[in-house]
PDB file of N, CA and C in Angstrom:
ATOM      1  N   UNK A   1      46.801   4.352  43.182  1.00  0.00           N
ATOM      2  CA  UNK A   1      46.549   5.768  43.379  1.00  0.00           C
ATOM      3  C   UNK A   1      45.073   6.060  43.128  1.00  0.00           C
ATOM      4  N   UNK A   2      44.556   6.973  43.900  1.00  0.00           N
ATOM      5  CA  UNK A   2      43.187   7.429  43.713  1.00  0.00           C
ATOM      6  C   UNK A   2      43.208   8.932  43.468  1.00  0.00           C
ATOM      7  N   UNK A   3      42.253   9.392  42.696  1.00  0.00           N
ATOM      8  CA  UNK A   3      42.123  10.819  42.427  1.00  0.00           C
ATOM      9  C   UNK A   3      41.104  11.420  43.374  1.00  0.00           C
ATOM     10  N   UNK A   4      41.313  12.676  43.712  1.00  0.00           N
ATOM     11  CA  UNK A   4      40.442  13.369  44.646  1.00  0.00           C
ATOM     12  C   UNK A   4      40.288  14.814  44.202  1.00  0.00           C
ATOM     13  N   UNK A   5      39.047  15.262  44.105  1.00  0.00           N
ATOM     14  CA  UNK A   5      38.747  16.662  43.797  1.00  0.00           C
ATOM     15  C   UNK A   5      38.113  17.288  45.018  1.00  0.00           C
ATOM     16  N   UNK A   6      38.660  18.426  45.436  1.00  0.00           N
ATOM     17  CA  UNK A   6      38.172  19.111  46.625  1.00  0.00           C
ATOM     18  C   UNK A   6      37.822  20.554  46.320  1.00  0.00           C
ATOM     19  N   UNK A   7      36.835  21.048  47.015  1.00  0.00           N
ATOM     20  CA  UNK A   7      36.499  22.472  46.991  1.00  0.00           C
ATOM     21  C   UNK A   7      37.003  23.032  48.315  1.00  0.00           C
ATOM     22  N   UNK A   8      37.722  24.144  48.242  1.00  0.00           N
ATOM     23  CA  UNK A   8      38.295  24.745  49.441  1.00  0.00           C
ATOM     24  C   UNK A   8      37.755  26.162  49.579  1.00  0.00           C
ATOM     25  N   UNK A   9      36.857  26.331  50.551  1.00  0.00           N
ATOM     26  CA  UNK A   9      36.284  27.642  50.799  1.00  0.00           C
ATOM     27  C   UNK A   9      37.280  28.552  51.490  1.00  0.00           C
ATOM     28  N   UNK A  10      37.209  29.824  51.221  1.00  0.00           N
ATOM     29  CA  UNK A  10      38.061  30.870  51.786  1.00  0.00           C
ATOM     30  C   UNK A  10      39.474  30.861  51.214  1.00  0.00           C
ATOM     31  N   UNK A  11      39.718  30.090  50.164  1.00  0.00           N
ATOM     32  CA  UNK A  11      41.005  30.114  49.477  1.00  0.00           C
ATOM     33  C   UNK A  11      40.847  31.054  48.286  1.00  0.00           C
ATOM     34  N   UNK A  12      41.281  32.280  48.464  1.00  0.00           N
ATOM     35  CA  UNK A  12      40.957  33.299  47.475  1.00  0.00           C
ATOM     36  C   UNK A  12      42.158  34.003  46.847  1.00  0.00           C
ATOM     37  N   UNK A  13      43.334  33.836  47.410  1.00  0.00           N
ATOM     38  CA  UNK A  13      44.487  34.593  46.910  1.00  0.00           C
ATOM     39  C   UNK A  13      45.624  33.664  46.503  1.00  0.00           C
ATOM     40  N   UNK A  14      46.632  34.245  45.854  1.00  0.00           N
ATOM     41  CA  UNK A  14      47.821  33.476  45.493  1.00  0.00           C
ATOM     42  C   UNK A  14      48.544  32.984  46.743  1.00  0.00           C
ATOM     43  N   UNK A  15      48.494  33.766  47.791  1.00  0.00           N
ATOM     44  CA  UNK A  15      49.124  33.350  49.050  1.00  0.00           C
ATOM     45  C   UNK A  15      48.432  32.115  49.617  1.00  0.00           C
ATOM     46  N   UNK A  16      47.107  32.056  49.511  1.00  0.00           N
ATOM     47  CA  UNK A  16      46.365  30.876  49.954  1.00  0.00           C
ATOM     48  C   UNK A  16      46.771  29.641  49.146  1.00  0.00           C
ATOM     49  N   UNK A  17      46.886  29.815  47.849  1.00  0.00           N
ATOM     50  CA  UNK A  17      47.297  28.712  46.973  1.00  0.00           C
ATOM     51  C   UNK A  17      48.682  28.217  47.381  1.00  0.00           C
ATOM     52  N   UNK A  18      49.590  29.134  47.649  1.00  0.00           N
ATOM     53  CA  UNK A  18      50.950  28.764  48.050  1.00  0.00           C
ATOM     54  C   UNK A  18      50.956  28.021  49.386  1.00  0.00           C
ATOM     55  N   UNK A  19      50.131  28.453  50.338  1.00  0.00           N
ATOM     56  CA  UNK A  19      50.056  27.772  51.629  1.00  0.00           C
ATOM     57  C   UNK A  19      49.610  26.325  51.466  1.00  0.00           C
ATOM     58  N   UNK A  20      48.625  26.113  50.625  1.00  0.00           N
ATOM     59  CA  UNK A  20      48.109  24.749  50.424  1.00  0.00           C
ATOM     60  C   UNK A  20      49.116  23.894  49.671  1.00  0.00           C
ATOM     61  N   UNK A  21      49.779  24.470  48.679  1.00  0.00           N
ATOM     62  CA  UNK A  21      50.822  23.710  47.970  1.00  0.00           C
ATOM     63  C   UNK A  21      51.912  23.259  48.941  1.00  0.00           C
ATOM     64  N   UNK A  22      52.336  24.157  49.813  1.00  0.00           N
ATOM     65  CA  UNK A  22      53.358  23.821  50.800  1.00  0.00           C
ATOM     66  C   UNK A  22      52.883  22.703  51.714  1.00  0.00           C
ATOM     67  N   UNK A  23      51.641  22.769  52.152  1.00  0.00           N
ATOM     68  CA  UNK A  23      51.094  21.726  53.026  1.00  0.00           C
ATOM     69  C   UNK A  23      51.065  20.378  52.316  1.00  0.00           C
ATOM     70  N   UNK A  24      50.669  20.352  51.048  1.00  0.00           N
ATOM     71  CA  UNK A  24      50.593  19.092  50.303  1.00  0.00           C
ATOM     72  C   UNK A  24      51.967  18.494  50.044  1.00  0.00           C
ATOM     73  N   UNK A  25      52.966  19.344  49.851  1.00  0.00           N
ATOM     74  CA  UNK A  25      54.324  18.868  49.587  1.00  0.00           C
ATOM     75  C   UNK A  25      54.893  18.081  50.762  1.00  0.00           C
ATOM     76  N   UNK A  26      54.420  18.354  51.958  1.00  0.00           N
ATOM     77  CA  UNK A  26      54.967  17.694  53.148  1.00  0.00           C
ATOM     78  C   UNK A  26      54.278  16.373  53.458  1.00  0.00           C
ATOM     79  N   UNK A  27      53.202  16.060  52.772  1.00  0.00           N
ATOM     80  CA  UNK A  27      52.435  14.850  53.075  1.00  0.00           C
ATOM     81  C   UNK A  27      52.973  13.636  52.332  1.00  0.00           C
ATOM     82  N   UNK A  28      53.103  12.504  53.027  1.00  0.00           N
ATOM     83  CA  UNK A  28      53.471  11.265  52.334  1.00  0.00           C
ATOM     84  C   UNK A  28      52.259  10.731  51.571  1.00  0.00           C
ATOM     85  N   UNK A  29      52.513  10.053  50.473  1.00  0.00           N
ATOM     86  CA  UNK A  29      51.429   9.405  49.744  1.00  0.00           C
ATOM     87  C   UNK A  29      50.725  10.280  48.722  1.00  0.00           C
ATOM     88  N   UNK A  30      51.130  11.548  48.604  1.00  0.00           N
ATOM     89  CA  UNK A  30      50.555  12.425  47.580  1.00  0.00           C
ATOM     90  C   UNK A  30      51.437  12.303  46.347  1.00  0.00           C
ATOM     91  N   UNK A  31      50.858  11.833  45.245  1.00  0.00           N
ATOM     92  CA  UNK A  31      51.634  11.604  44.031  1.00  0.00           C
ATOM     93  C   UNK A  31      51.720  12.857  43.178  1.00  0.00           C
ATOM     94  N   UNK A  32      50.617  13.534  42.996  1.00  0.00           N
ATOM     95  CA  UNK A  32      50.567  14.736  42.164  1.00  0.00           C
ATOM     96  C   UNK A  32      49.412  15.601  42.649  1.00  0.00           C
ATOM     97  N   UNK A  33      49.530  16.886  42.424  1.00  0.00           N
ATOM     98  CA  UNK A  33      48.441  17.776  42.826  1.00  0.00           C
ATOM     99  C   UNK A  33      48.412  19.013  41.948  1.00  0.00           C
ATOM    100  N   UNK A  34      47.244  19.618  41.880  1.00  0.00           N
ATOM    101  CA  UNK A  34      47.039  20.877  41.180  1.00  0.00           C
ATOM    102  C   UNK A  34      46.179  21.737  42.097  1.00  0.00           C
ATOM    103  N   UNK A  35      46.663  22.916  42.407  1.00  0.00           N
ATOM    104  CA  UNK A  35      45.951  23.804  43.309  1.00  0.00           C
ATOM    105  C   UNK A  35      45.591  25.067  42.561  1.00  0.00           C
ATOM    106  N   UNK A  36      44.306  25.364  42.503  1.00  0.00           N
ATOM    107  CA  UNK A  36      43.792  26.579  41.904  1.00  0.00           C
ATOM    108  C   UNK A  36      42.950  27.273  42.959  1.00  0.00           C
ATOM    109  N   UNK A  37      42.626  28.518  42.764  1.00  0.00           N
ATOM    110  CA  UNK A  37      41.784  29.211  43.741  1.00  0.00           C
ATOM    111  C   UNK A  37      40.480  28.457  43.938  1.00  0.00           C
ATOM    112  N   UNK A  38      40.273  28.026  45.160  1.00  0.00           N
ATOM    113  CA  UNK A  38      39.028  27.358  45.508  1.00  0.00           C
ATOM    114  C   UNK A  38      38.965  25.882  45.189  1.00  0.00           C
ATOM    115  N   UNK A  39      40.002  25.319  44.544  1.00  0.00           N
ATOM    116  CA  UNK A  39      39.967  23.909  44.157  1.00  0.00           C
ATOM    117  C   UNK A  39      41.320  23.247  44.365  1.00  0.00           C
ATOM    118  N   UNK A  40      41.261  21.972  44.696  1.00  0.00           N
ATOM    119  CA  UNK A  40      42.462  21.143  44.756  1.00  0.00           C
ATOM    120  C   UNK A  40      42.126  19.821  44.082  1.00  0.00           C
ATOM    121  N   UNK A  41      42.975  19.393  43.192  1.00  0.00           N
ATOM    122  CA  UNK A  41      42.853  18.079  42.560  1.00  0.00           C
ATOM    123  C   UNK A  41      44.161  17.350  42.842  1.00  0.00           C
ATOM    124  N   UNK A  42      44.057  16.128  43.357  1.00  0.00           N
ATOM    125  CA  UNK A  42      45.281  15.397  43.676  1.00  0.00           C
ATOM    126  C   UNK A  42      45.117  13.908  43.475  1.00  0.00           C
ATOM    127  N   UNK A  43      46.247  13.237  43.372  1.00  0.00           N
ATOM    128  CA  UNK A  43      46.321  11.782  43.345  1.00  0.00           C
ATOM    129  C   UNK A  43      47.046  11.358  44.611  1.00  0.00           C
ATOM    130  N   UNK A  44      46.484  10.366  45.296  1.00  0.00           N
ATOM    131  CA  UNK A  44      47.077   9.934  46.552  1.00  0.00           C
ATOM    132  C   UNK A  44      46.989   8.426  46.701  1.00  0.00           C
ATOM    133  N   UNK A  45      47.830   7.896  47.574  1.00  0.00           N
ATOM    134  CA  UNK A  45      47.839   6.470  47.875  1.00  0.00           C
ATOM    135  C   UNK A  45      47.085   6.263  49.189  1.00  0.00           C
ATOM    136  N   UNK A  46      45.880   5.695  49.146  1.00  0.00           N
ATOM    137  CA  UNK A  46      45.087   5.525  50.365  1.00  0.00           C
ATOM    138  C   UNK A  46      45.713   4.563  51.374  1.00  0.00           C
ATOM    139  N   UNK A  47      46.694   3.784  50.958  1.00  0.00           N
ATOM    140  CA  UNK A  47      47.399   2.909  51.896  1.00  0.00           C
ATOM    141  C   UNK A  47      48.419   3.692  52.720  1.00  0.00           C
ATOM    142  N   UNK A  48      48.808   4.855  52.214  1.00  0.00           N
ATOM    143  CA  UNK A  48      49.829   5.664  52.867  1.00  0.00           C
ATOM    144  C   UNK A  48      49.245   6.828  53.647  1.00  0.00           C
ATOM    145  N   UNK A  49      48.160   7.407  53.132  1.00  0.00           N
ATOM    146  CA  UNK A  49      47.587   8.594  53.771  1.00  0.00           C
ATOM    147  C   UNK A  49      46.060   8.522  53.728  1.00  0.00           C
ATOM    148  N   UNK A  50      45.442   8.958  54.796  1.00  0.00           N
ATOM    149  CA  UNK A  50      43.975   8.930  54.877  1.00  0.00           C
ATOM    150  C   UNK A  50      43.374  10.241  54.361  1.00  0.00           C
ATOM    151  N   UNK A  51      42.113  10.154  53.988  1.00  0.00           N
ATOM    152  CA  UNK A  51      41.407  11.378  53.591  1.00  0.00           C
ATOM    153  C   UNK A  51      41.370  12.376  54.734  1.00  0.00           C
ATOM    154  N   UNK A  52      41.184  11.876  55.934  1.00  0.00           N
ATOM    155  CA  UNK A  52      41.131  12.768  57.097  1.00  0.00           C
ATOM    156  C   UNK A  52      42.422  13.564  57.243  1.00  0.00           C
ATOM    157  N   UNK A  53      43.555  12.919  57.010  1.00  0.00           N
ATOM    158  CA  UNK A  53      44.837  13.635  57.130  1.00  0.00           C
ATOM    159  C   UNK A  53      44.989  14.674  56.022  1.00  0.00           C
ATOM    160  N   UNK A  54      44.538  14.352  54.817  1.00  0.00           N
ATOM    161  CA  UNK A  54      44.592  15.317  53.713  1.00  0.00           C
ATOM    162  C   UNK A  54      43.719  16.520  54.037  1.00  0.00           C
ATOM    163  N   UNK A  55      42.487  16.263  54.459  1.00  0.00           N
ATOM    164  CA  UNK A  55      41.557  17.349  54.807  1.00  0.00           C
ATOM    165  C   UNK A  55      42.144  18.211  55.915  1.00  0.00           C
ATOM    166  N   UNK A  56      42.689  17.580  56.948  1.00  0.00           N
ATOM    167  CA  UNK A  56      43.247  18.324  58.081  1.00  0.00           C
ATOM    168  C   UNK A  56      44.427  19.175  57.654  1.00  0.00           C
ATOM    169  N   UNK A  57      45.305  18.638  56.820  1.00  0.00           N
ATOM    170  CA  UNK A  57      46.476  19.397  56.373  1.00  0.00           C
ATOM    171  C   UNK A  57      46.068  20.644  55.593  1.00  0.00           C
ATOM    172  N   UNK A  58      45.056  20.507  54.737  1.00  0.00           N
ATOM    173  CA  UNK A  58      44.588  21.663  53.965  1.00  0.00           C
ATOM    174  C   UNK A  58      43.899  22.664  54.884  1.00  0.00           C
ATOM    175  N   UNK A  59      43.022  22.180  55.748  1.00  0.00           N
ATOM    176  CA  UNK A  59      42.289  23.076  56.650  1.00  0.00           C
ATOM    177  C   UNK A  59      43.231  23.832  57.578  1.00  0.00           C
ATOM    178  N   UNK A  60      44.307  23.173  58.017  1.00  0.00           N
ATOM    179  CA  UNK A  60      45.247  23.791  58.946  1.00  0.00           C
ATOM    180  C   UNK A  60      46.298  24.657  58.262  1.00  0.00           C
ATOM    181  N   UNK A  61      46.358  24.623  56.933  1.00  0.00           N
ATOM    182  CA  UNK A  61      47.359  25.406  56.203  1.00  0.00           C
ATOM    183  C   UNK A  61      47.134  26.907  56.363  1.00  0.00           C
ATOM    184  N   UNK A  62      45.896  27.303  56.555  1.00  0.00           N
ATOM    185  CA  UNK A  62      45.575  28.715  56.720  1.00  0.00           C
ATOM    186  C   UNK A  62      44.360  28.839  57.613  1.00  0.00           C
ATOM    187  N   UNK A  63      43.931  30.042  57.828  1.00  0.00           N
ATOM    188  CA  UNK A  63      42.775  30.254  58.698  1.00  0.00           C
ATOM    189  C   UNK A  63      41.481  30.199  57.899  1.00  0.00           C
ATOM    190  N   UNK A  64      40.552  29.403  58.380  1.00  0.00           N
ATOM    191  CA  UNK A  64      39.211  29.415  57.824  1.00  0.00           C
ATOM    192  C   UNK A  64      38.975  28.615  56.572  1.00  0.00           C
ATOM    193  N   UNK A  65      39.914  27.753  56.166  1.00  0.00           N
ATOM    194  CA  UNK A  65      39.663  26.933  54.986  1.00  0.00           C
ATOM    195  C   UNK A  65      38.636  25.866  55.312  1.00  0.00           C
ATOM    196  N   UNK A  66      37.618  25.789  54.480  1.00  0.00           N
ATOM    197  CA  UNK A  66      36.574  24.788  54.608  1.00  0.00           C
ATOM    198  C   UNK A  66      36.741  23.815  53.462  1.00  0.00           C
ATOM    199  N   UNK A  67      37.025  22.555  53.749  1.00  0.00           N
ATOM    200  CA  UNK A  67      37.361  21.573  52.727  1.00  0.00           C
ATOM    201  C   UNK A  67      36.204  20.592  52.556  1.00  0.00           C
ATOM    202  N   UNK A  68      35.811  20.356  51.296  1.00  0.00           N
ATOM    203  CA  UNK A  68      34.770  19.371  51.023  1.00  0.00           C
ATOM    204  C   UNK A  68      35.037  18.692  49.680  1.00  0.00           C
ATOM    205  N   UNK A  69      34.575  17.449  49.573  1.00  0.00           N
ATOM    206  CA  UNK A  69      34.719  16.713  48.321  1.00  0.00           C
ATOM    207  C   UNK A  69      33.749  17.257  47.285  1.00  0.00           C
ATOM    208  N   UNK A  70      34.190  17.243  46.054  1.00  0.00           N
ATOM    209  CA  UNK A  70      33.342  17.708  44.951  1.00  0.00           C
ATOM    210  C   UNK A  70      32.654  16.519  44.340  1.00  0.00           C
TER     211      UNK A  70
END
Protein backbone atom coordinates (compact mmCIF):
# COMPACT_ATOMS: atom_id res chain seq x y z
CA UNK A 1 0.00 0.00 0.00
CA UNK A 2 1.10 3.53 -0.70
CA UNK A 3 -0.14 6.72 0.90
CA UNK A 4 -1.29 9.68 -1.14
CA UNK A 5 -2.14 13.23 -0.10
CA UNK A 6 -4.14 15.34 -2.53
CA UNK A 7 -5.36 18.90 -2.64
CA UNK A 8 -8.77 19.23 -4.27
CA UNK A 9 -9.71 22.68 -5.49
CA UNK A 10 -13.38 23.73 -5.55
CA UNK A 11 -14.29 21.17 -2.86
CA UNK A 12 -15.90 23.52 -0.40
CA UNK A 13 -19.05 21.99 1.06
CA UNK A 14 -20.22 18.88 2.90
CA UNK A 15 -21.95 17.82 -0.30
CA UNK A 16 -18.61 17.96 -2.14
CA UNK A 17 -17.01 15.82 0.56
CA UNK A 18 -19.84 13.28 0.25
CA UNK A 19 -19.48 13.13 -3.55
CA UNK A 20 -15.78 12.36 -3.28
CA UNK A 21 -16.30 9.76 -0.55
CA UNK A 22 -18.85 8.02 -2.77
CA UNK A 23 -16.45 8.06 -5.72
CA UNK A 24 -13.61 6.58 -3.63
CA UNK A 25 -15.84 3.82 -2.24
CA UNK A 26 -16.41 2.47 -5.75
CA UNK A 27 -12.72 2.21 -6.66
CA UNK A 28 -10.81 -1.07 -6.35
CA UNK A 29 -7.47 -0.92 -4.57
CA UNK A 30 -8.36 1.88 -2.14
CA UNK A 31 -7.62 0.61 1.36
CA UNK A 32 -8.53 3.62 3.48
CA UNK A 33 -9.30 7.27 2.94
CA UNK A 34 -10.02 10.50 4.78
CA UNK A 35 -11.81 13.31 3.00
CA UNK A 36 -11.84 16.83 4.40
CA UNK A 37 -12.72 20.08 2.68
CA UNK A 38 -10.03 20.65 0.11
CA UNK A 39 -7.98 17.56 1.02
CA UNK A 40 -7.98 13.82 0.47
CA UNK A 41 -5.60 11.40 2.14
CA UNK A 42 -5.74 7.77 1.09
CA UNK A 43 -3.91 4.46 1.01
CA UNK A 44 -4.01 2.55 -2.25
CA UNK A 45 -2.53 -0.48 -3.97
CA UNK A 46 -0.64 0.73 -7.08
CA UNK A 47 -0.85 -2.79 -8.54
CA UNK A 48 -4.65 -2.53 -8.53
CA UNK A 49 -5.33 1.11 -9.35
CA UNK A 50 -3.36 3.86 -11.08
CA UNK A 51 -2.92 7.43 -9.93
CA UNK A 52 -4.58 8.55 -13.13
CA UNK A 53 -7.73 6.58 -12.29
CA UNK A 54 -7.81 8.01 -8.75
CA UNK A 55 -7.39 11.57 -10.06
CA UNK A 56 -10.06 11.03 -12.72
CA UNK A 57 -12.57 9.57 -10.26
CA UNK A 58 -12.18 12.55 -7.92
CA UNK A 59 -12.26 15.12 -10.73
CA UNK A 60 -15.37 13.52 -12.24
CA UNK A 61 -17.20 13.25 -8.90
CA UNK A 62 -18.36 16.85 -9.19
CA UNK A 63 -17.99 19.87 -11.39
CA UNK A 64 -14.74 21.78 -11.40
CA UNK A 65 -12.64 19.74 -8.99
CA UNK A 66 -8.96 20.37 -9.59
CA UNK A 67 -6.83 17.56 -8.17
CA UNK A 68 -3.11 17.82 -7.40
CA UNK A 69 -0.58 16.01 -5.25
CA UNK A 70 0.57 17.74 -2.10
